[in-house]
Amino acid sequence: MDMNKQSDSFRSLKITGMSCGHCTAQVQTALESLEDVLEADVSLQEETVTIRMATDIPNDVLTRAITVAGYRAEPQ
């Protein structure tokens, strides 16, 4: 068992403006380019993203990355 996984932080955000697989890939890439984001699991159907982070990243940093990619995000 990897002990580091116990310290991972998770966050879910609601995403608006996505309409296709390319959109989800853009959101995923934008988030995973941030330092300490380990994984971003984007759901087009549910219009959400679940983010796994090595450290707790403030919502404004996460939502800014999504906004720069061309989409809108808010805490879920």
PDB file of N, CA and C in Angstrom:
ATOM      1  N   MET A   1       0.839  -1.191   0.000  1.00  0.00           N
ATOM      2  CA  MET A   1       0.000   0.000   0.000  1.00  0.00           C
ATOM      3  C   MET A   1       0.878   1.246   0.000  1.00  0.00           C
ATOM      4  N   ASP A   2       0.574   2.168  -0.877  1.00  0.00           N
ATOM      5  CA  ASP A   2       1.332   3.413  -0.978  1.00  0.00           C
ATOM      6  C   ASP A   2       0.822   4.396   0.067  1.00  0.00           C
ATOM      7  N   MET A   3       1.661   4.716   1.046  1.00  0.00           N
ATOM      8  CA  MET A   3       1.255   5.596   2.129  1.00  0.00           C
ATOM      9  C   MET A   3       1.008   7.023   1.643  1.00  0.00           C
ATOM     10  N   ASN A   4       1.606   7.426   0.544  1.00  0.00           N
ATOM     11  CA  ASN A   4       1.413   8.777   0.034  1.00  0.00           C
ATOM     12  C   ASN A   4      -0.032   9.022  -0.390  1.00  0.00           C
ATOM     13  N   LYS A   5      -0.725   7.985  -0.831  1.00  0.00           N
ATOM     14  CA  LYS A   5      -2.100   8.149  -1.282  1.00  0.00           C
ATOM     15  C   LYS A   5      -3.010   8.590  -0.143  1.00  0.00           C
ATOM     16  N   GLN A   6      -2.660   8.265   1.091  1.00  0.00           N
ATOM     17  CA  GLN A   6      -3.486   8.667   2.219  1.00  0.00           C
ATOM     18  C   GLN A   6      -3.481  10.178   2.396  1.00  0.00           C
ATOM     19  N   SER A   7      -2.451  10.846   1.951  1.00  0.00           N
ATOM     20  CA  SER A   7      -2.373  12.291   2.135  1.00  0.00           C
ATOM     21  C   SER A   7      -2.894  13.067   0.922  1.00  0.00           C
ATOM     22  N   ASP A   8      -3.318  12.368  -0.122  1.00  0.00           N
ATOM     23  CA  ASP A   8      -3.866  13.049  -1.293  1.00  0.00           C
ATOM     24  C   ASP A   8      -5.146  13.791  -0.919  1.00  0.00           C
ATOM     25  N   SER A   9      -5.359  14.932  -1.551  1.00  0.00           N
ATOM     26  CA  SER A   9      -6.592  15.705  -1.387  1.00  0.00           C
ATOM     27  C   SER A   9      -7.438  15.528  -2.638  1.00  0.00           C
ATOM     28  N   PHE A  10      -8.739  15.561  -2.468  1.00  0.00           N
ATOM     29  CA  PHE A  10      -9.664  15.429  -3.591  1.00  0.00           C
ATOM     30  C   PHE A  10     -10.616  16.615  -3.606  1.00  0.00           C
ATOM     31  N   ARG A  11     -11.002  17.022  -4.813  1.00  0.00           N
ATOM     32  CA  ARG A  11     -11.945  18.127  -4.962  1.00  0.00           C
ATOM     33  C   ARG A  11     -12.799  17.833  -6.179  1.00  0.00           C
ATOM     34  N   SER A  12     -14.077  18.136  -6.094  1.00  0.00           N
ATOM     35  CA  SER A  12     -14.981  18.018  -7.240  1.00  0.00           C
ATOM     36  C   SER A  12     -15.496  19.402  -7.604  1.00  0.00           C
ATOM     37  N   LEU A  13     -15.522  19.669  -8.896  1.00  0.00           N
ATOM     38  CA  LEU A  13     -16.019  20.946  -9.400  1.00  0.00           C
ATOM     39  C   LEU A  13     -17.058  20.691 -10.482  1.00  0.00           C
ATOM     40  N   LYS A  14     -18.009  21.592 -10.600  1.00  0.00           N
ATOM     41  CA  LYS A  14     -18.995  21.575 -11.673  1.00  0.00           C
ATOM     42  C   LYS A  14     -18.416  22.388 -12.827  1.00  0.00           C
ATOM     43  N   ILE A  15     -18.453  21.829 -14.037  1.00  0.00           N
ATOM     44  CA  ILE A  15     -17.900  22.487 -15.223  1.00  0.00           C
ATOM     45  C   ILE A  15     -19.039  22.776 -16.196  1.00  0.00           C
ATOM     46  N   THR A  16     -19.075  23.991 -16.733  1.00  0.00           N
ATOM     47  CA  THR A  16     -20.057  24.309 -17.773  1.00  0.00           C
ATOM     48  C   THR A  16     -19.322  24.768 -19.026  1.00  0.00           C
ATOM     49  N   GLY A  17     -19.960  24.498 -20.170  1.00  0.00           N
ATOM     50  CA  GLY A  17     -19.396  24.916 -21.441  1.00  0.00           C
ATOM     51  C   GLY A  17     -18.755  23.793 -22.240  1.00  0.00           C
ATOM     52  N   MET A  18     -18.693  22.588 -21.675  1.00  0.00           N
ATOM     53  CA  MET A  18     -18.105  21.462 -22.407  1.00  0.00           C
ATOM     54  C   MET A  18     -19.176  20.830 -23.297  1.00  0.00           C
ATOM     55  N   SER A  19     -18.781  20.449 -24.521  1.00  0.00           N
ATOM     56  CA  SER A  19     -19.752  19.839 -25.429  1.00  0.00           C
ATOM     57  C   SER A  19     -19.234  18.586 -26.131  1.00  0.00           C
ATOM     58  N   CYS A  20     -17.948  18.239 -25.916  1.00  0.00           N
ATOM     59  CA  CYS A  20     -17.395  17.090 -26.631  1.00  0.00           C
ATOM     60  C   CYS A  20     -16.174  16.538 -25.894  1.00  0.00           C
ATOM     61  N   GLY A  21     -15.641  15.459 -26.412  1.00  0.00           N
ATOM     62  CA  GLY A  21     -14.458  14.845 -25.822  1.00  0.00           C
ATOM     63  C   GLY A  21     -13.241  15.754 -25.854  1.00  0.00           C
ATOM     64  N   HIS A  22     -13.149  16.587 -26.875  1.00  0.00           N
ATOM     65  CA  HIS A  22     -12.031  17.534 -26.948  1.00  0.00           C
ATOM     66  C   HIS A  22     -12.095  18.520 -25.782  1.00  0.00           C
ATOM     67  N   CYS A  23     -13.299  18.932 -25.435  1.00  0.00           N
ATOM     68  CA  CYS A  23     -13.480  19.852 -24.298  1.00  0.00           C
ATOM     69  C   CYS A  23     -12.991  19.206 -23.006  1.00  0.00           C
ATOM     70  N   THR A  24     -13.375  17.957 -22.783  1.00  0.00           N
ATOM     71  CA  THR A  24     -12.946  17.286 -21.551  1.00  0.00           C
ATOM     72  C   THR A  24     -11.431  17.149 -21.508  1.00  0.00           C
ATOM     73  N   ALA A  25     -10.831  16.879 -22.660  1.00  0.00           N
ATOM     74  CA  ALA A  25      -9.370  16.757 -22.719  1.00  0.00           C
ATOM     75  C   ALA A  25      -8.700  18.090 -22.399  1.00  0.00           C
ATOM     76  N   GLN A  26      -9.285  19.189 -22.858  1.00  0.00           N
ATOM     77  CA  GLN A  26      -8.711  20.509 -22.565  1.00  0.00           C
ATOM     78  C   GLN A  26      -8.767  20.816 -21.072  1.00  0.00           C
ATOM     79  N   VAL A  27      -9.886  20.497 -20.431  1.00  0.00           N
ATOM     80  CA  VAL A  27     -10.022  20.718 -18.992  1.00  0.00           C
ATOM     81  C   VAL A  27      -9.018  19.842 -18.242  1.00  0.00           C
ATOM     82  N   GLN A  28      -8.926  18.578 -18.638  1.00  0.00           N
ATOM     83  CA  GLN A  28      -7.993  17.657 -17.991  1.00  0.00           C
ATOM     84  C   GLN A  28      -6.557  18.152 -18.128  1.00  0.00           C
ATOM     85  N   THR A  29      -6.164  18.553 -19.316  1.00  0.00           N
ATOM     86  CA  THR A  29      -4.806  19.040 -19.556  1.00  0.00           C
ATOM     87  C   THR A  29      -4.522  20.306 -18.756  1.00  0.00           C
ATOM     88  N   ALA A  30      -5.485  21.223 -18.713  1.00  0.00           N
ATOM     89  CA  ALA A  30      -5.302  22.474 -17.964  1.00  0.00           C
ATOM     90  C   ALA A  30      -5.061  22.193 -16.490  1.00  0.00           C
ATOM     91  N   LEU A  31      -5.835  21.282 -15.927  1.00  0.00           N
ATOM     92  CA  LEU A  31      -5.686  20.981 -14.503  1.00  0.00           C
ATOM     93  C   LEU A  31      -4.420  20.184 -14.221  1.00  0.00           C
ATOM     94  N   GLU A  32      -4.140  19.185 -15.050  1.00  0.00           N
ATOM     95  CA  GLU A  32      -2.969  18.343 -14.804  1.00  0.00           C
ATOM     96  C   GLU A  32      -1.658  19.075 -15.059  1.00  0.00           C
ATOM     97  N   SER A  33      -1.720  20.242 -15.686  1.00  0.00           N
ATOM     98  CA  SER A  33      -0.507  21.041 -15.870  1.00  0.00           C
ATOM     99  C   SER A  33      -0.152  21.823 -14.603  1.00  0.00           C
ATOM    100  N   LEU A  34      -1.082  21.899 -13.656  1.00  0.00           N
ATOM    101  CA  LEU A  34      -0.819  22.593 -12.396  1.00  0.00           C
ATOM    102  C   LEU A  34       0.064  21.741 -11.489  1.00  0.00           C
ATOM    103  N   GLU A  35       0.983  22.406 -10.813  1.00  0.00           N
ATOM    104  CA  GLU A  35       1.834  21.710  -9.857  1.00  0.00           C
ATOM    105  C   GLU A  35       0.954  21.109  -8.760  1.00  0.00           C
ATOM    106  N   ASP A  36       1.249  19.892  -8.383  1.00  0.00           N
ATOM    107  CA  ASP A  36       0.564  19.137  -7.326  1.00  0.00           C
ATOM    108  C   ASP A  36      -0.775  18.540  -7.732  1.00  0.00           C
ATOM    109  N   VAL A  37      -1.242  18.752  -8.978  1.00  0.00           N
ATOM    110  CA  VAL A  37      -2.413  18.017  -9.448  1.00  0.00           C
ATOM    111  C   VAL A  37      -1.908  16.686  -9.986  1.00  0.00           C
ATOM    112  N   LEU A  38      -2.389  15.610  -9.387  1.00  0.00           N
ATOM    113  CA  LEU A  38      -1.948  14.273  -9.775  1.00  0.00           C
ATOM    114  C   LEU A  38      -2.825  13.683 -10.868  1.00  0.00           C
ATOM    115  N   GLU A  39      -4.118  14.012 -10.830  1.00  0.00           N
ATOM    116  CA  GLU A  39      -5.052  13.439 -11.793  1.00  0.00           C
ATOM    117  C   GLU A  39      -6.318  14.284 -11.835  1.00  0.00           C
ATOM    118  N   ALA A  40      -6.874  14.432 -13.023  1.00  0.00           N
ATOM    119  CA  ALA A  40      -8.158  15.113 -13.196  1.00  0.00           C
ATOM    120  C   ALA A  40      -9.064  14.195 -14.004  1.00  0.00           C
ATOM    121  N   ASP A  41     -10.148  13.757 -13.395  1.00  0.00           N
ATOM    122  CA  ASP A  41     -11.101  12.854 -14.037  1.00  0.00           C
ATOM    123  C   ASP A  41     -12.332  13.669 -14.434  1.00  0.00           C
ATOM    124  N   VAL A  42     -12.458  13.950 -15.730  1.00  0.00           N
ATOM    125  CA  VAL A  42     -13.508  14.832 -16.238  1.00  0.00           C
ATOM    126  C   VAL A  42     -14.648  13.998 -16.812  1.00  0.00           C
ATOM    127  N   SER A  43     -15.882  14.332 -16.434  1.00  0.00           N
ATOM    128  CA  SER A  43     -17.068  13.662 -16.961  1.00  0.00           C
ATOM    129  C   SER A  43     -17.885  14.655 -17.781  1.00  0.00           C
ATOM    130  N   LEU A  44     -17.963  14.413 -19.080  1.00  0.00           N
ATOM    131  CA  LEU A  44     -18.770  15.258 -19.963  1.00  0.00           C
ATOM    132  C   LEU A  44     -20.250  15.111 -19.626  1.00  0.00           C
ATOM    133  N   GLN A  45     -20.687  13.877 -19.420  1.00  0.00           N
ATOM    134  CA  GLN A  45     -22.096  13.605 -19.148  1.00  0.00           C
ATOM    135  C   GLN A  45     -22.564  14.266 -17.851  1.00  0.00           C
ATOM    136  N   GLU A  46     -21.752  14.189 -16.801  1.00  0.00           N
ATOM    137  CA  GLU A  46     -22.140  14.760 -15.509  1.00  0.00           C
ATOM    138  C   GLU A  46     -21.708  16.222 -15.355  1.00  0.00           C
ATOM    139  N   GLU A  47     -20.908  16.704 -16.302  1.00  0.00           N
ATOM    140  CA  GLU A  47     -20.363  18.071 -16.268  1.00  0.00           C
ATOM    141  C   GLU A  47     -19.603  18.340 -14.973  1.00  0.00           C
ATOM    142  N   THR A  48     -18.749  17.384 -14.604  1.00  0.00           N
ATOM    143  CA  THR A  48     -17.960  17.514 -13.376  1.00  0.00           C
ATOM    144  C   THR A  48     -16.515  17.110 -13.627  1.00  0.00           C
ATOM    145  N   VAL A  49     -15.674  17.497 -12.690  1.00  0.00           N
ATOM    146  CA  VAL A  49     -14.300  17.017 -12.671  1.00  0.00           C
ATOM    147  C   VAL A  49     -13.969  16.683 -11.224  1.00  0.00           C
ATOM    148  N   THR A  50     -13.318  15.543 -11.035  1.00  0.00           N
ATOM    149  CA  THR A  50     -12.795  15.171  -9.728  1.00  0.00           C
ATOM    150  C   THR A  50     -11.286  15.257  -9.830  1.00  0.00           C
ATOM    151  N   ILE A  51     -10.697  16.020  -8.936  1.00  0.00           N
ATOM    152  CA  ILE A  51      -9.267  16.316  -8.995  1.00  0.00           C
ATOM    153  C   ILE A  51      -8.574  15.679  -7.804  1.00  0.00           C
ATOM    154  N   ARG A  52      -7.518  14.922  -8.081  1.00  0.00           N
ATOM    155  CA  ARG A  52      -6.685  14.350  -7.016  1.00  0.00           C
ATOM    156  C   ARG A  52      -5.405  15.165  -6.955  1.00  0.00           C
ATOM    157  N   MET A  53      -5.092  15.663  -5.755  1.00  0.00           N
ATOM    158  CA  MET A  53      -3.958  16.576  -5.581  1.00  0.00           C
ATOM    159  C   MET A  53      -3.004  16.048  -4.514  1.00  0.00           C
ATOM    160  N   ALA A  54      -1.726  16.326  -4.686  1.00  0.00           N
ATOM    161  CA  ALA A  54      -0.729  15.959  -3.682  1.00  0.00           C
ATOM    162  C   ALA A  54      -0.851  16.851  -2.452  1.00  0.00           C
ATOM    163  N   THR A  55      -1.250  18.105  -2.672  1.00  0.00           N
ATOM    164  CA  THR A  55      -1.516  19.054  -1.584  1.00  0.00           C
ATOM    165  C   THR A  55      -2.827  19.756  -1.897  1.00  0.00           C
ATOM    166  N   ASP A  56      -3.432  20.333  -0.894  1.00  0.00           N
ATOM    167  CA  ASP A  56      -4.703  21.020  -1.094  1.00  0.00           C
ATOM    168  C   ASP A  56      -4.470  22.316  -1.874  1.00  0.00           C
ATOM    169  N   ILE A  57      -5.070  22.416  -3.047  1.00  0.00           N
ATOM    170  CA  ILE A  57      -4.932  23.597  -3.903  1.00  0.00           C
ATOM    171  C   ILE A  57      -6.214  24.416  -3.764  1.00  0.00           C
ATOM    172  N   PRO A  58      -6.110  25.722  -3.563  1.00  0.00           N
ATOM    173  CA  PRO A  58      -7.311  26.559  -3.415  1.00  0.00           C
ATOM    174  C   PRO A  58      -8.218  26.495  -4.649  1.00  0.00           C
ATOM    175  N   ASN A  59      -9.528  26.600  -4.410  1.00  0.00           N
ATOM    176  CA  ASN A  59     -10.502  26.572  -5.505  1.00  0.00           C
ATOM    177  C   ASN A  59     -10.219  27.615  -6.567  1.00  0.00           C
ATOM    178  N   ASP A  60      -9.782  28.817  -6.157  1.00  0.00           N
ATOM    179  CA  ASP A  60      -9.572  29.870  -7.154  1.00  0.00           C
ATOM    180  C   ASP A  60      -8.462  29.515  -8.131  1.00  0.00           C
ATOM    181  N   VAL A  61      -7.461  28.780  -7.698  1.00  0.00           N
ATOM    182  CA  VAL A  61      -6.380  28.348  -8.593  1.00  0.00           C
ATOM    183  C   VAL A  61      -6.922  27.326  -9.592  1.00  0.00           C
ATOM    184  N   LEU A  62      -7.722  26.387  -9.109  1.00  0.00           N
ATOM    185  CA  LEU A  62      -8.294  25.358  -9.982  1.00  0.00           C
ATOM    186  C   LEU A  62      -9.278  25.967 -10.978  1.00  0.00           C
ATOM    187  N   THR A  63     -10.170  26.821 -10.493  1.00  0.00           N
ATOM    188  CA  THR A  63     -11.163  27.413 -11.395  1.00  0.00           C
ATOM    189  C   THR A  63     -10.518  28.359 -12.400  1.00  0.00           C
ATOM    190  N   ARG A  64      -9.447  29.038 -12.015  1.00  0.00           N
ATOM    191  CA  ARG A  64      -8.739  29.925 -12.950  1.00  0.00           C
ATOM    192  C   ARG A  64      -8.160  29.112 -14.106  1.00  0.00           C
ATOM    193  N   ALA A  65      -7.575  27.958 -13.817  1.00  0.00           N
ATOM    194  CA  ALA A  65      -7.006  27.114 -14.876  1.00  0.00           C
ATOM    195  C   ALA A  65      -8.092  26.670 -15.854  1.00  0.00           C
ATOM    196  N   ILE A  66      -9.256  26.351 -15.328  1.00  0.00           N
ATOM    197  CA  ILE A  66     -10.371  25.926 -16.179  1.00  0.00           C
ATOM    198  C   ILE A  66     -10.900  27.103 -16.993  1.00  0.00           C
ATOM    199  N   THR A  67     -10.985  28.273 -16.387  1.00  0.00           N
ATOM    200  CA  THR A  67     -11.445  29.477 -17.086  1.00  0.00           C
ATOM    201  C   THR A  67     -10.498  29.842 -18.221  1.00  0.00           C
ATOM    202  N   VAL A  68      -9.204  29.758 -17.978  1.00  0.00           N
ATOM    203  CA  VAL A  68      -8.209  30.052 -19.020  1.00  0.00           C
ATOM    204  C   VAL A  68      -8.361  29.074 -20.187  1.00  0.00           C
ATOM    205  N   ALA A  69      -8.766  27.833 -19.892  1.00  0.00           N
ATOM    206  CA  ALA A  69      -8.978  26.834 -20.944  1.00  0.00           C
ATOM    207  C   ALA A  69     -10.271  27.093 -21.722  1.00  0.00           C
ATOM    208  N   GLY A  70     -11.118  28.025 -21.228  1.00  0.00           N
ATOM    209  CA  GLY A  70     -12.319  28.397 -21.966  1.00  0.00           C
ATOM    210  C   GLY A  70     -13.625  27.880 -21.395  1.00  0.00           C
ATOM    211  N   TYR A  71     -13.621  27.412 -20.164  1.00  0.00           N
ATOM    212  CA  TYR A  71     -14.812  26.836 -19.552  1.00  0.00           C
ATOM    213  C   TYR A  71     -15.075  27.508 -18.214  1.00  0.00           C
ATOM    214  N   ARG A  72     -16.218  27.210 -17.635  1.00  0.00           N
ATOM    215  CA  ARG A  72     -16.581  27.810 -16.351  1.00  0.00           C
ATOM    216  C   ARG A  72     -16.646  26.713 -15.298  1.00  0.00           C
ATOM    217  N   ALA A  73     -16.142  27.018 -14.113  1.00  0.00           N
ATOM    218  CA  ALA A  73     -16.137  26.033 -13.032  1.00  0.00           C
ATOM    219  C   ALA A  73     -16.596  26.670 -11.739  1.00  0.00           C
ATOM    220  N   GLU A  74     -17.227  25.844 -10.912  1.00  0.00           N
ATOM    221  CA  GLU A  74     -17.619  26.283  -9.576  1.00  0.00           C
ATOM    222  C   GLU A  74     -17.589  25.077  -8.644  1.00  0.00           C
ATOM    223  N   PRO A  75     -17.387  25.327  -7.357  1.00  0.00           N
ATOM    224  CA  PRO A  75     -17.369  24.214  -6.401  1.00  0.00           C
ATOM    225  C   PRO A  75     -18.691  23.458  -6.443  1.00  0.00           C
ATOM    226  N   GLN A  76     -18.605  22.169  -6.215  1.00  0.00           N
ATOM    227  CA  GLN A  76     -19.791  21.324  -6.264  1.00  0.00           C
ATOM    228  C   GLN A  76     -20.343  21.112  -4.885  1.00  0.00           C
TER     229      GLN A  76
END
